[in-house]
N, C-alpha and C. Protein backbone atom coordinates (compact mmCIF):
# COMPACT_ATOMS: atom_id res chain seq x y z
N PHE A 1 -15.42 6.25 13.98
CA PHE A 1 -14.92 5.54 12.76
C PHE A 1 -15.89 4.52 12.21
N SER A 2 -16.55 3.84 13.14
CA SER A 2 -17.59 2.82 12.76
C SER A 2 -18.77 3.57 12.00
N ASN A 3 -19.17 4.68 12.58
CA ASN A 3 -20.19 5.43 11.80
C ASN A 3 -19.73 5.98 10.56
N ALA A 4 -18.52 6.38 10.39
CA ALA A 4 -18.03 6.89 9.20
C ALA A 4 -17.96 5.88 8.01
N ILE A 5 -17.53 4.67 8.31
CA ILE A 5 -17.38 3.62 7.29
C ILE A 5 -18.77 3.09 6.94
N GLN A 6 -19.76 3.27 7.81
CA GLN A 6 -21.16 2.84 7.48
C GLN A 6 -21.97 4.02 6.87
N ALA A 7 -21.33 5.11 6.68
CA ALA A 7 -22.04 6.30 6.16
C ALA A 7 -23.19 6.69 7.08
N LEU A 8 -23.03 6.60 8.38
CA LEU A 8 -24.12 6.91 9.34
C LEU A 8 -23.91 8.39 9.70
N PRO A 9 -24.95 9.29 9.76
CA PRO A 9 -24.84 10.63 10.22
C PRO A 9 -24.24 10.74 11.61
N GLN A 10 -23.48 11.70 11.89
CA GLN A 10 -23.00 12.06 13.18
C GLN A 10 -22.65 13.53 13.35
N LYS A 11 -22.65 13.93 14.62
CA LYS A 11 -22.46 15.30 14.93
C LYS A 11 -21.08 15.95 14.37
N ILE A 12 -20.09 15.09 14.53
CA ILE A 12 -18.76 15.56 14.17
C ILE A 12 -18.39 14.89 12.85
N PRO A 13 -18.14 15.82 11.84
CA PRO A 13 -17.76 15.22 10.58
C PRO A 13 -16.41 14.46 10.62
N PRO A 14 -16.36 13.33 10.02
CA PRO A 14 -15.06 12.52 10.02
C PRO A 14 -14.08 13.16 9.12
N ILE A 15 -12.85 13.19 9.56
CA ILE A 15 -11.71 13.77 8.82
C ILE A 15 -10.68 12.66 8.69
N TRP A 16 -10.19 12.41 7.46
CA TRP A 16 -9.20 11.35 7.27
C TRP A 16 -7.85 11.95 6.97
N PHE A 17 -6.76 11.68 7.82
CA PHE A 17 -5.45 12.10 7.60
C PHE A 17 -4.68 10.89 6.92
N MET A 18 -4.37 11.13 5.68
CA MET A 18 -3.72 9.96 4.91
C MET A 18 -2.31 9.70 5.37
N ARG A 19 -1.55 10.61 5.87
CA ARG A 19 -0.25 10.40 6.25
C ARG A 19 -0.18 10.75 7.82
N GLN A 20 -0.56 9.80 8.64
CA GLN A 20 -0.46 10.05 10.05
C GLN A 20 0.93 10.28 10.52
N ALA A 21 1.81 9.38 10.04
CA ALA A 21 3.30 9.53 10.43
C ALA A 21 4.01 9.95 9.18
N GLY A 22 4.96 10.82 9.41
CA GLY A 22 5.67 11.32 8.14
C GLY A 22 6.58 12.58 8.55
N ARG A 23 7.11 13.19 7.61
CA ARG A 23 8.17 14.15 7.79
C ARG A 23 7.69 15.36 8.64
N TYR A 24 6.38 15.58 8.78
CA TYR A 24 5.94 16.67 9.67
C TYR A 24 6.10 16.34 11.14
N HIS A 25 6.21 15.05 11.47
CA HIS A 25 6.04 14.59 12.88
C HIS A 25 7.35 14.39 13.55
N SER A 26 7.67 15.07 14.70
CA SER A 26 8.93 14.93 15.44
C SER A 26 9.20 13.47 15.78
N HIS A 27 8.18 12.74 16.25
CA HIS A 27 8.28 11.32 16.65
C HIS A 27 8.95 10.47 15.44
N TYR A 28 8.40 10.72 14.25
CA TYR A 28 8.94 9.99 13.14
C TYR A 28 10.33 10.51 12.70
N ARG A 29 10.53 11.79 12.82
CA ARG A 29 11.88 12.27 12.38
C ARG A 29 12.94 11.80 13.36
N LYS A 30 12.69 11.66 14.62
CA LYS A 30 13.62 11.13 15.52
C LYS A 30 14.01 9.70 15.23
N LEU A 31 13.00 8.90 14.93
CA LEU A 31 13.36 7.51 14.49
C LEU A 31 14.04 7.40 13.16
N LYS A 32 13.73 8.41 12.29
CA LYS A 32 14.47 8.45 10.99
C LYS A 32 15.92 8.82 11.10
N GLU A 33 16.30 9.45 12.21
CA GLU A 33 17.67 9.72 12.42
C GLU A 33 18.46 8.48 12.66
N LYS A 34 17.80 7.46 13.21
CA LYS A 34 18.56 6.14 13.55
C LYS A 34 18.29 5.14 12.47
N TYR A 35 17.23 5.11 11.77
CA TYR A 35 16.89 4.04 10.89
C TYR A 35 16.51 4.52 9.50
N SER A 36 16.76 3.71 8.49
CA SER A 36 16.28 4.05 7.15
C SER A 36 14.81 3.75 7.00
N PHE A 37 14.23 4.33 5.88
CA PHE A 37 12.76 4.13 5.71
C PHE A 37 12.45 2.67 5.58
N LEU A 38 13.27 1.86 4.88
CA LEU A 38 12.98 0.50 4.78
C LEU A 38 13.10 -0.27 6.11
N GLU A 39 14.01 0.13 6.97
CA GLU A 39 14.09 -0.50 8.25
C GLU A 39 12.82 -0.19 9.05
N LEU A 40 12.37 1.02 8.95
CA LEU A 40 11.16 1.42 9.73
C LEU A 40 10.02 0.69 9.22
N CYS A 41 9.84 0.36 7.96
CA CYS A 41 8.75 -0.40 7.31
C CYS A 41 8.88 -1.89 7.64
N LYS A 42 10.05 -2.43 7.45
CA LYS A 42 10.17 -3.91 7.44
C LYS A 42 10.45 -4.50 8.95
N ASN A 43 10.87 -3.67 9.79
CA ASN A 43 10.99 -4.18 11.16
C ASN A 43 9.69 -3.95 11.88
N PRO A 44 8.92 -5.07 12.12
CA PRO A 44 7.58 -4.79 12.68
C PRO A 44 7.47 -4.08 13.92
N HIS A 45 8.55 -4.19 14.86
CA HIS A 45 8.50 -3.47 16.13
C HIS A 45 8.71 -2.01 15.90
N LEU A 46 9.58 -1.58 14.89
CA LEU A 46 9.78 -0.26 14.52
C LEU A 46 8.54 0.32 13.88
N ALA A 47 7.94 -0.40 13.05
CA ALA A 47 6.76 0.08 12.19
C ALA A 47 5.62 0.29 13.22
N ALA A 48 5.44 -0.61 14.18
CA ALA A 48 4.39 -0.49 15.13
C ALA A 48 4.65 0.82 15.91
N GLU A 49 5.87 1.11 16.29
CA GLU A 49 6.25 2.31 17.05
C GLU A 49 5.96 3.59 16.26
N VAL A 50 6.19 3.56 15.05
CA VAL A 50 5.95 4.66 14.09
C VAL A 50 4.39 4.97 14.02
N ALA A 51 3.60 3.87 13.96
CA ALA A 51 2.22 4.05 13.83
C ALA A 51 1.57 4.52 15.13
N LEU A 52 2.15 4.12 16.26
CA LEU A 52 1.66 4.63 17.54
C LEU A 52 1.92 6.06 17.88
N GLY A 53 2.93 6.60 17.30
CA GLY A 53 3.30 7.99 17.58
C GLY A 53 2.18 8.97 17.38
N PRO A 54 1.59 9.06 16.16
CA PRO A 54 0.49 10.07 16.00
C PRO A 54 -0.74 9.85 16.83
N ILE A 55 -0.94 8.60 17.26
CA ILE A 55 -2.13 8.29 18.12
C ILE A 55 -1.89 8.91 19.50
N GLU A 56 -0.63 8.79 19.99
CA GLU A 56 -0.36 9.36 21.31
C GLU A 56 -0.33 10.85 21.21
N ALA A 57 0.23 11.41 20.10
CA ALA A 57 0.31 12.85 19.95
C ALA A 57 -1.05 13.55 19.70
N PHE A 58 -1.90 12.92 18.94
CA PHE A 58 -3.12 13.71 18.45
C PHE A 58 -4.39 13.03 18.88
N GLY A 59 -4.32 11.75 19.37
CA GLY A 59 -5.60 11.15 19.81
C GLY A 59 -6.53 10.71 18.70
N PHE A 60 -5.99 10.44 17.52
CA PHE A 60 -6.82 9.90 16.43
C PHE A 60 -7.52 8.61 16.85
N ASP A 61 -8.72 8.40 16.26
CA ASP A 61 -9.44 7.19 16.74
C ASP A 61 -9.14 5.99 15.80
N VAL A 62 -8.26 6.23 14.75
CA VAL A 62 -7.93 5.17 13.85
C VAL A 62 -6.40 5.25 13.58
N SER A 63 -5.72 4.11 13.64
CA SER A 63 -4.29 4.05 13.13
C SER A 63 -4.22 3.29 11.85
N ILE A 64 -3.16 3.51 11.14
CA ILE A 64 -2.94 2.80 9.86
C ILE A 64 -1.57 2.09 9.86
N LEU A 65 -1.61 0.96 9.27
CA LEU A 65 -0.36 0.22 9.05
C LEU A 65 0.72 1.09 8.45
N PHE A 66 1.91 1.08 9.08
CA PHE A 66 3.02 1.88 8.48
C PHE A 66 3.73 0.98 7.50
N SER A 67 3.69 1.33 6.27
CA SER A 67 4.31 0.44 5.29
C SER A 67 4.42 1.27 4.03
N ASP A 68 4.53 0.65 2.91
CA ASP A 68 4.59 1.25 1.57
C ASP A 68 3.79 0.46 0.48
N LEU A 69 3.23 1.16 -0.39
CA LEU A 69 2.38 0.43 -1.37
C LEU A 69 3.15 -0.23 -2.46
N LEU A 70 4.44 -0.07 -2.51
CA LEU A 70 5.33 -0.71 -3.62
C LEU A 70 5.91 -2.00 -3.27
N PHE A 71 5.69 -2.53 -1.98
CA PHE A 71 6.30 -3.74 -1.64
C PHE A 71 5.85 -4.95 -2.37
N PRO A 72 4.54 -4.99 -2.88
CA PRO A 72 4.20 -6.17 -3.76
C PRO A 72 5.09 -6.22 -5.05
N LEU A 73 5.50 -5.06 -5.54
CA LEU A 73 6.45 -5.18 -6.66
C LEU A 73 7.80 -5.71 -6.39
N GLU A 74 8.25 -5.32 -5.17
CA GLU A 74 9.48 -5.86 -4.67
C GLU A 74 9.40 -7.33 -4.49
N ALA A 75 8.21 -7.80 -3.95
CA ALA A 75 8.01 -9.20 -3.74
C ALA A 75 8.00 -10.04 -5.04
N LEU A 76 7.64 -9.32 -6.06
CA LEU A 76 7.61 -10.06 -7.37
C LEU A 76 9.01 -10.07 -8.08
N GLY A 77 9.96 -9.38 -7.42
CA GLY A 77 11.33 -9.53 -7.87
C GLY A 77 11.90 -8.31 -8.63
N MET A 78 11.15 -7.17 -8.35
CA MET A 78 11.54 -5.91 -9.09
C MET A 78 12.57 -5.06 -8.33
N GLY A 79 12.96 -5.55 -7.12
CA GLY A 79 13.93 -4.70 -6.34
C GLY A 79 13.34 -3.35 -5.89
N LEU A 80 13.75 -2.83 -4.79
CA LEU A 80 13.28 -1.54 -4.25
C LEU A 80 14.24 -0.98 -3.31
N GLU A 81 14.54 0.25 -3.54
CA GLU A 81 15.34 1.10 -2.61
C GLU A 81 14.79 2.45 -2.61
N TYR A 82 15.29 3.13 -1.54
CA TYR A 82 14.77 4.54 -1.33
C TYR A 82 15.98 5.47 -1.17
N SER A 83 16.12 6.45 -2.07
CA SER A 83 17.26 7.33 -2.07
C SER A 83 16.97 8.76 -2.47
N PRO A 84 16.09 9.62 -1.80
CA PRO A 84 15.20 9.11 -0.75
C PRO A 84 13.86 8.48 -1.27
N GLY A 85 13.59 8.83 -2.50
CA GLY A 85 12.30 8.36 -3.07
C GLY A 85 12.44 6.87 -3.54
N PRO A 86 11.37 6.19 -3.87
CA PRO A 86 11.45 4.89 -4.33
C PRO A 86 12.08 4.67 -5.68
N LYS A 87 12.87 3.66 -5.79
CA LYS A 87 13.57 3.28 -7.05
C LYS A 87 13.55 1.82 -7.27
N LEU A 88 12.93 1.28 -8.39
CA LEU A 88 12.95 -0.11 -8.65
C LEU A 88 14.14 -0.51 -9.46
N SER A 89 14.49 -1.77 -9.34
CA SER A 89 15.76 -2.20 -9.95
C SER A 89 15.59 -2.20 -11.53
N HIS A 90 14.40 -2.42 -11.99
CA HIS A 90 14.19 -2.37 -13.43
C HIS A 90 12.66 -2.07 -13.71
N GLN A 91 12.40 -1.86 -14.93
CA GLN A 91 11.01 -1.61 -15.38
C GLN A 91 10.56 -2.64 -16.34
N LEU A 92 9.22 -2.82 -16.34
CA LEU A 92 8.58 -3.73 -17.24
C LEU A 92 8.36 -3.05 -18.57
N LYS A 93 8.90 -3.63 -19.66
CA LYS A 93 8.79 -2.98 -21.00
C LYS A 93 8.08 -3.85 -22.06
N THR A 94 8.22 -5.21 -21.85
CA THR A 94 7.60 -6.09 -22.80
C THR A 94 6.80 -7.13 -22.04
N GLU A 95 5.99 -7.87 -22.77
CA GLU A 95 5.27 -8.95 -22.12
C GLU A 95 6.15 -10.05 -21.65
N LYS A 96 7.30 -10.24 -22.23
CA LYS A 96 8.20 -11.23 -21.77
C LYS A 96 8.75 -10.95 -20.43
N ASP A 97 8.83 -9.63 -20.11
CA ASP A 97 9.30 -9.21 -18.73
C ASP A 97 8.44 -9.79 -17.59
N ILE A 98 7.09 -9.97 -17.96
CA ILE A 98 6.18 -10.43 -16.91
C ILE A 98 6.48 -11.82 -16.53
N THR A 99 6.99 -12.66 -17.52
CA THR A 99 7.29 -14.05 -17.25
C THR A 99 8.53 -14.20 -16.26
N ARG A 100 9.27 -13.18 -16.13
CA ARG A 100 10.45 -13.22 -15.30
C ARG A 100 10.07 -12.87 -13.78
N LEU A 101 8.90 -12.42 -13.57
CA LEU A 101 8.42 -12.05 -12.23
C LEU A 101 8.33 -13.31 -11.30
N ASN A 102 8.51 -13.18 -10.06
CA ASN A 102 8.31 -14.24 -9.09
C ASN A 102 6.91 -14.79 -9.07
N SER A 103 6.77 -16.07 -8.72
CA SER A 103 5.50 -16.66 -8.66
C SER A 103 4.81 -16.12 -7.37
N LEU A 104 3.47 -16.36 -7.28
CA LEU A 104 2.69 -16.02 -6.08
C LEU A 104 3.33 -16.72 -4.80
N GLU A 105 3.65 -17.96 -4.95
CA GLU A 105 4.21 -18.72 -3.85
C GLU A 105 5.55 -18.14 -3.30
N ASP A 106 6.33 -17.61 -4.27
CA ASP A 106 7.69 -17.03 -3.80
C ASP A 106 7.46 -15.67 -3.33
N ALA A 107 6.42 -14.93 -3.89
CA ALA A 107 6.28 -13.54 -3.53
C ALA A 107 5.62 -13.27 -2.16
N LEU A 108 4.58 -14.06 -1.87
CA LEU A 108 3.76 -13.82 -0.75
C LEU A 108 4.58 -13.82 0.57
N PRO A 109 5.47 -14.81 0.80
CA PRO A 109 6.22 -14.72 2.06
C PRO A 109 6.99 -13.51 2.35
N GLN A 110 7.28 -12.80 1.32
CA GLN A 110 8.07 -11.50 1.48
C GLN A 110 7.20 -10.37 1.95
N LEU A 111 5.90 -10.67 2.07
CA LEU A 111 5.00 -9.63 2.63
C LEU A 111 4.46 -9.97 4.02
N GLU A 112 4.98 -11.08 4.57
CA GLU A 112 4.58 -11.54 5.92
C GLU A 112 4.88 -10.45 7.02
N PHE A 113 5.85 -9.61 6.80
CA PHE A 113 6.18 -8.66 7.77
C PHE A 113 5.09 -7.69 8.08
N GLN A 114 4.21 -7.53 7.08
CA GLN A 114 3.05 -6.67 7.23
C GLN A 114 2.12 -7.24 8.24
N LYS A 115 1.85 -8.52 8.21
CA LYS A 115 1.00 -9.15 9.19
C LYS A 115 1.55 -9.02 10.55
N LYS A 116 2.79 -9.25 10.78
CA LYS A 116 3.42 -9.17 12.06
C LYS A 116 3.39 -7.71 12.62
N THR A 117 3.61 -6.78 11.63
CA THR A 117 3.49 -5.32 12.00
C THR A 117 2.06 -5.05 12.55
N LEU A 118 1.05 -5.46 11.84
CA LEU A 118 -0.35 -5.17 12.28
C LEU A 118 -0.58 -5.82 13.64
N GLN A 119 -0.07 -7.08 13.86
CA GLN A 119 -0.34 -7.76 15.17
C GLN A 119 0.32 -6.97 16.25
N LEU A 120 1.55 -6.56 16.09
CA LEU A 120 2.25 -5.73 17.09
C LEU A 120 1.61 -4.33 17.29
N THR A 121 1.25 -3.80 16.22
CA THR A 121 0.54 -2.49 16.29
C THR A 121 -0.73 -2.53 17.14
N LYS A 122 -1.53 -3.58 16.83
CA LYS A 122 -2.79 -3.70 17.47
C LYS A 122 -2.53 -3.97 19.05
N GLU A 123 -1.42 -4.63 19.33
CA GLU A 123 -1.14 -4.93 20.77
C GLU A 123 -0.79 -3.64 21.50
N ILE A 124 -0.17 -2.68 20.89
CA ILE A 124 0.26 -1.47 21.63
C ILE A 124 -0.67 -0.29 21.55
N LEU A 125 -1.62 -0.38 20.56
CA LEU A 125 -2.66 0.71 20.42
C LEU A 125 -3.60 0.62 21.60
N PRO A 126 -4.11 1.87 22.00
CA PRO A 126 -5.27 1.84 23.03
C PRO A 126 -6.42 1.09 22.43
N LYS A 127 -7.08 0.42 23.38
CA LYS A 127 -8.16 -0.51 22.93
C LYS A 127 -9.36 0.11 22.22
N ASP A 128 -9.50 1.41 22.31
CA ASP A 128 -10.52 2.14 21.61
C ASP A 128 -10.06 2.72 20.29
N VAL A 129 -8.90 2.37 19.85
CA VAL A 129 -8.43 2.86 18.54
C VAL A 129 -8.43 1.73 17.55
N SER A 130 -9.11 2.01 16.36
CA SER A 130 -9.19 1.05 15.32
C SER A 130 -7.92 0.99 14.49
N LEU A 131 -7.75 -0.07 13.79
CA LEU A 131 -6.55 -0.25 12.99
C LEU A 131 -6.93 -0.71 11.58
N ILE A 132 -6.43 -0.01 10.57
CA ILE A 132 -6.64 -0.40 9.17
C ILE A 132 -5.35 -0.63 8.43
N GLY A 133 -5.48 -1.40 7.37
CA GLY A 133 -4.30 -1.66 6.49
C GLY A 133 -4.47 -0.91 5.12
N PHE A 134 -3.53 -1.12 4.25
CA PHE A 134 -3.69 -0.55 2.93
C PHE A 134 -2.94 -1.32 1.90
N LEU A 135 -3.47 -1.20 0.74
CA LEU A 135 -2.76 -1.73 -0.50
C LEU A 135 -2.73 -0.73 -1.59
N GLY A 136 -1.73 -0.77 -2.54
CA GLY A 136 -1.67 0.03 -3.63
C GLY A 136 -2.65 -0.53 -4.68
N GLY A 137 -3.32 0.39 -5.39
CA GLY A 137 -4.21 -0.13 -6.49
C GLY A 137 -3.50 -0.66 -7.63
N PRO A 138 -4.11 -1.59 -8.32
CA PRO A 138 -3.39 -2.32 -9.42
C PRO A 138 -2.83 -1.31 -10.50
N TRP A 139 -3.65 -0.29 -10.85
CA TRP A 139 -3.20 0.64 -11.86
C TRP A 139 -1.93 1.42 -11.42
N THR A 140 -1.98 1.94 -10.15
CA THR A 140 -0.86 2.62 -9.69
C THR A 140 0.43 1.76 -9.66
N LEU A 141 0.31 0.49 -9.14
CA LEU A 141 1.41 -0.41 -9.22
C LEU A 141 1.93 -0.68 -10.55
N TYR A 142 1.12 -0.71 -11.56
CA TYR A 142 1.35 -0.88 -12.96
C TYR A 142 2.22 0.27 -13.41
N THR A 143 1.75 1.49 -13.08
CA THR A 143 2.57 2.70 -13.57
C THR A 143 3.93 2.78 -13.00
N TYR A 144 4.04 2.31 -11.74
CA TYR A 144 5.40 2.31 -11.15
C TYR A 144 6.17 1.18 -11.86
N ALA A 145 5.55 0.03 -12.10
CA ALA A 145 6.32 -1.06 -12.73
C ALA A 145 6.88 -0.76 -14.09
N THR A 146 6.15 0.07 -14.79
CA THR A 146 6.52 0.37 -16.16
C THR A 146 7.27 1.65 -16.35
N ARG A 147 6.97 2.65 -15.44
CA ARG A 147 7.71 3.94 -15.52
C ARG A 147 8.77 4.15 -14.42
N GLY A 148 8.62 3.39 -13.37
CA GLY A 148 9.60 3.52 -12.32
C GLY A 148 9.22 4.65 -11.37
N LYS A 149 8.16 5.36 -11.73
CA LYS A 149 7.63 6.49 -10.87
C LYS A 149 6.33 6.86 -11.40
N HIS A 150 5.63 7.75 -10.66
CA HIS A 150 4.35 8.35 -11.06
C HIS A 150 4.56 9.87 -11.25
N ASP A 151 4.83 10.22 -12.52
CA ASP A 151 5.13 11.58 -12.75
C ASP A 151 4.16 12.27 -13.63
N GLY A 152 3.04 11.67 -13.90
CA GLY A 152 2.02 12.29 -14.78
C GLY A 152 2.18 11.98 -16.24
N ASN A 153 3.35 11.49 -16.67
CA ASN A 153 3.61 11.18 -18.06
C ASN A 153 3.38 9.63 -18.31
N LEU A 154 2.14 9.25 -18.38
CA LEU A 154 1.73 7.86 -18.51
C LEU A 154 1.33 7.29 -19.80
N SER A 155 1.77 7.96 -20.89
CA SER A 155 1.32 7.48 -22.20
C SER A 155 1.78 6.04 -22.48
N PHE A 156 2.98 5.63 -22.03
CA PHE A 156 3.40 4.21 -22.23
C PHE A 156 2.48 3.22 -21.49
N PRO A 157 2.34 3.42 -20.25
CA PRO A 157 1.35 2.47 -19.48
C PRO A 157 -0.01 2.39 -20.10
N LYS A 158 -0.48 3.57 -20.50
CA LYS A 158 -1.90 3.53 -21.02
C LYS A 158 -2.03 2.84 -22.34
N THR A 159 -0.99 2.78 -23.16
CA THR A 159 -1.14 2.27 -24.49
C THR A 159 -0.70 0.72 -24.67
N GLN A 160 -0.10 0.14 -23.58
CA GLN A 160 0.39 -1.22 -23.63
C GLN A 160 -0.70 -2.13 -23.06
N LEU A 161 -1.79 -2.34 -23.84
CA LEU A 161 -2.90 -3.12 -23.34
C LEU A 161 -2.54 -4.56 -23.07
N GLY A 162 -1.72 -5.18 -23.89
CA GLY A 162 -1.32 -6.60 -23.58
C GLY A 162 -0.51 -6.68 -22.36
N LEU A 163 0.37 -5.73 -22.16
CA LEU A 163 1.21 -5.74 -20.98
C LEU A 163 0.35 -5.46 -19.66
N ILE A 164 -0.64 -4.61 -19.79
CA ILE A 164 -1.46 -4.34 -18.55
C ILE A 164 -2.21 -5.60 -18.22
N SER A 165 -2.79 -6.30 -19.20
CA SER A 165 -3.55 -7.50 -18.92
C SER A 165 -2.71 -8.52 -18.29
N LEU A 166 -1.50 -8.80 -18.67
CA LEU A 166 -0.68 -9.83 -18.17
C LEU A 166 -0.18 -9.37 -16.74
N PHE A 167 0.08 -8.10 -16.55
CA PHE A 167 0.51 -7.65 -15.29
C PHE A 167 -0.60 -7.81 -14.20
N TYR A 168 -1.81 -7.49 -14.56
CA TYR A 168 -2.97 -7.70 -13.73
C TYR A 168 -3.23 -9.15 -13.36
N GLU A 169 -2.94 -10.02 -14.31
CA GLU A 169 -3.08 -11.47 -14.04
C GLU A 169 -2.05 -11.95 -13.00
N LYS A 170 -0.94 -11.25 -12.94
CA LYS A 170 0.10 -11.54 -11.88
C LYS A 170 -0.08 -10.82 -10.66
N MET A 171 -0.58 -9.57 -10.72
CA MET A 171 -0.61 -8.73 -9.52
C MET A 171 -1.90 -9.00 -8.70
N ILE A 172 -3.05 -9.12 -9.30
CA ILE A 172 -4.36 -9.29 -8.56
C ILE A 172 -4.36 -10.46 -7.62
N PRO A 173 -3.94 -11.64 -8.00
CA PRO A 173 -3.81 -12.75 -7.03
C PRO A 173 -2.97 -12.42 -5.84
N LEU A 174 -1.83 -11.66 -6.08
CA LEU A 174 -0.96 -11.33 -5.05
C LEU A 174 -1.55 -10.31 -4.09
N LEU A 175 -2.26 -9.34 -4.62
CA LEU A 175 -2.98 -8.28 -3.88
C LEU A 175 -4.07 -9.03 -3.03
N LEU A 176 -4.76 -10.05 -3.54
CA LEU A 176 -5.82 -10.66 -2.80
C LEU A 176 -5.21 -11.39 -1.64
N GLU A 177 -4.11 -12.11 -1.75
CA GLU A 177 -3.41 -12.71 -0.66
C GLU A 177 -2.83 -11.73 0.32
N ASN A 178 -2.39 -10.56 -0.18
CA ASN A 178 -1.90 -9.53 0.62
C ASN A 178 -2.97 -8.95 1.55
N LEU A 179 -4.21 -8.81 0.90
CA LEU A 179 -5.39 -8.38 1.60
C LEU A 179 -5.72 -9.38 2.72
N LYS A 180 -5.75 -10.60 2.41
CA LYS A 180 -6.03 -11.68 3.43
C LYS A 180 -5.00 -11.62 4.60
N LEU A 181 -3.77 -11.46 4.27
CA LEU A 181 -2.71 -11.44 5.16
C LEU A 181 -2.90 -10.23 6.14
N GLN A 182 -3.22 -9.09 5.69
CA GLN A 182 -3.45 -7.85 6.53
C GLN A 182 -4.70 -8.05 7.47
N ILE A 183 -5.69 -8.72 6.91
CA ILE A 183 -6.89 -9.02 7.73
C ILE A 183 -6.61 -9.93 8.85
N GLU A 184 -5.81 -10.98 8.51
CA GLU A 184 -5.38 -11.95 9.52
C GLU A 184 -4.56 -11.31 10.59
N GLY A 185 -3.77 -10.26 10.19
CA GLY A 185 -2.93 -9.56 11.13
C GLY A 185 -3.67 -8.62 12.08
N GLY A 186 -4.97 -8.36 11.76
CA GLY A 186 -5.76 -7.57 12.66
C GLY A 186 -6.33 -6.28 12.08
N ALA A 187 -6.11 -6.09 10.72
CA ALA A 187 -6.67 -4.88 10.14
C ALA A 187 -8.19 -5.03 10.09
N GLU A 188 -8.95 -3.99 10.52
CA GLU A 188 -10.36 -4.03 10.47
C GLU A 188 -10.96 -3.76 9.10
N LEU A 189 -10.19 -3.09 8.37
CA LEU A 189 -10.48 -2.96 6.86
C LEU A 189 -9.22 -2.60 6.21
N VAL A 190 -9.17 -2.66 4.91
CA VAL A 190 -8.03 -2.32 4.07
C VAL A 190 -8.36 -1.41 3.07
N MET A 191 -7.70 -0.19 3.06
CA MET A 191 -7.96 0.80 2.03
C MET A 191 -7.07 0.50 0.83
N ILE A 192 -7.65 0.93 -0.37
CA ILE A 192 -6.93 0.83 -1.63
C ILE A 192 -6.48 2.21 -2.10
N PHE A 193 -5.18 2.41 -2.18
CA PHE A 193 -4.68 3.72 -2.57
C PHE A 193 -4.27 3.58 -4.10
N ASP A 194 -4.95 4.35 -4.93
CA ASP A 194 -4.70 4.20 -6.34
C ASP A 194 -4.28 5.70 -6.78
N THR A 195 -3.16 6.05 -6.40
CA THR A 195 -2.77 7.47 -6.58
C THR A 195 -2.57 7.98 -7.91
N ALA A 196 -2.38 6.97 -8.87
CA ALA A 196 -2.19 7.45 -10.30
C ALA A 196 -3.53 7.39 -11.05
N ALA A 197 -4.60 6.98 -10.39
CA ALA A 197 -5.92 6.90 -11.02
C ALA A 197 -6.42 8.32 -11.58
N GLY A 198 -5.96 9.41 -10.96
CA GLY A 198 -6.38 10.73 -11.38
C GLY A 198 -5.82 11.05 -12.76
N ASP A 199 -4.99 10.27 -13.31
CA ASP A 199 -4.44 10.55 -14.68
C ASP A 199 -5.19 9.78 -15.78
N LEU A 200 -6.30 9.10 -15.43
CA LEU A 200 -7.09 8.39 -16.38
C LEU A 200 -8.43 9.15 -16.66
N ASP A 201 -8.80 8.93 -17.97
CA ASP A 201 -10.10 9.48 -18.29
C ASP A 201 -11.15 8.62 -17.63
N ILE A 202 -12.43 8.98 -17.73
CA ILE A 202 -13.47 8.30 -17.00
C ILE A 202 -13.59 6.85 -17.50
N GLU A 203 -13.55 6.61 -18.77
CA GLU A 203 -13.78 5.19 -19.35
C GLU A 203 -12.63 4.37 -18.85
N SER A 204 -11.31 4.87 -18.96
CA SER A 204 -10.09 4.13 -18.63
C SER A 204 -10.06 3.95 -17.07
N PHE A 205 -10.60 4.94 -16.35
CA PHE A 205 -10.67 4.79 -14.85
C PHE A 205 -11.47 3.57 -14.42
N TYR A 206 -12.70 3.38 -15.05
CA TYR A 206 -13.52 2.22 -14.66
C TYR A 206 -12.91 0.93 -15.18
N ARG A 207 -12.26 0.94 -16.36
CA ARG A 207 -11.70 -0.26 -17.00
C ARG A 207 -10.36 -0.70 -16.32
N LEU A 208 -9.53 0.34 -16.00
CA LEU A 208 -8.24 -0.04 -15.50
C LEU A 208 -8.04 0.06 -13.96
N ALA A 209 -8.83 0.83 -13.31
CA ALA A 209 -8.74 1.01 -11.89
C ALA A 209 -9.82 0.36 -11.07
N ILE A 210 -11.07 0.43 -11.62
CA ILE A 210 -12.15 -0.11 -10.79
C ILE A 210 -12.49 -1.55 -11.20
N GLU A 211 -12.54 -1.90 -12.43
CA GLU A 211 -12.86 -3.28 -12.84
C GLU A 211 -11.93 -4.36 -12.14
N PRO A 212 -10.63 -4.07 -12.12
CA PRO A 212 -9.79 -5.12 -11.45
C PRO A 212 -10.06 -5.34 -10.01
N LEU A 213 -10.54 -4.25 -9.35
CA LEU A 213 -10.83 -4.36 -7.91
C LEU A 213 -12.01 -5.37 -7.66
N LYS A 214 -12.79 -5.60 -8.69
CA LYS A 214 -13.94 -6.44 -8.42
C LYS A 214 -13.61 -7.85 -8.19
N LYS A 215 -12.36 -8.22 -8.52
CA LYS A 215 -11.75 -9.55 -8.25
C LYS A 215 -11.31 -9.69 -6.76
N LEU A 216 -11.28 -8.54 -6.02
CA LEU A 216 -10.98 -8.57 -4.62
C LEU A 216 -12.33 -8.64 -3.86
N PRO A 217 -12.35 -9.19 -2.68
CA PRO A 217 -13.60 -9.36 -1.89
C PRO A 217 -13.87 -8.00 -1.13
N LEU A 218 -14.24 -7.06 -1.86
CA LEU A 218 -14.52 -5.71 -1.29
C LEU A 218 -15.92 -5.62 -0.73
C-alpha cells in the first residue's frame, strides 16, 4: 500500500477494490438482516465490524471507512433516508435554498460518528492493515443536492453557475473539516470519490471537479 500511494515500482501490481463490504459479501448480508444501512453506517461499532469483515475474509492490506458520501448533505439539513437507495428530503433549486442550509458549526458535529468509527476500526484491524477514509467530491454532492440522484441527466446542475458557486462556498469548508475529522480518527489518507465527474466535459471537469479540490490540503 505504501509503495502504491508513492507510485513506487513493485513486483505485485496493486489492485483497488472500491466496495470491500457490500451486497456480494455474506458477512455484510448477515448484518443487513438485523440492521438498516443507516444503522450500519452511523453506529461506530457496527460500521467497524462491517469494515473488518472483508479483511478477515480476503486478507486485503488496506481497509476503508464504512460510510456514505452523502452524509455531508444530511449534515447541512437536507435529510437522508435509504429505501433502498438514497433519498434526500428536498432538492436545491434556487440560490435562496442555499441560505436555508445549516451552518458549518451546526453541521460538523453530525459527522463526528465517522471519527469514532475510524478509531474503533483501527483498534480491531490487524496491525499490518492500513486504514483510509473517503469523502464525496464537491461536484457529485452538488448533483445529488440539485437532482436528488445521479442518473446522467445533469443539464440543470451544469447550467446553474450561481447556484454551483454558492453551494461550493457552503460545502468546501465542511469537506475540509470532515477531512480533518477523518485524519484525527486515524485515516492514513482520505480518498475523494467524484462519481458524477464522468458526465463533465474536459473544461468543466477541471473547473467544477478539480479546481474546488485545490482548497483542500491534498
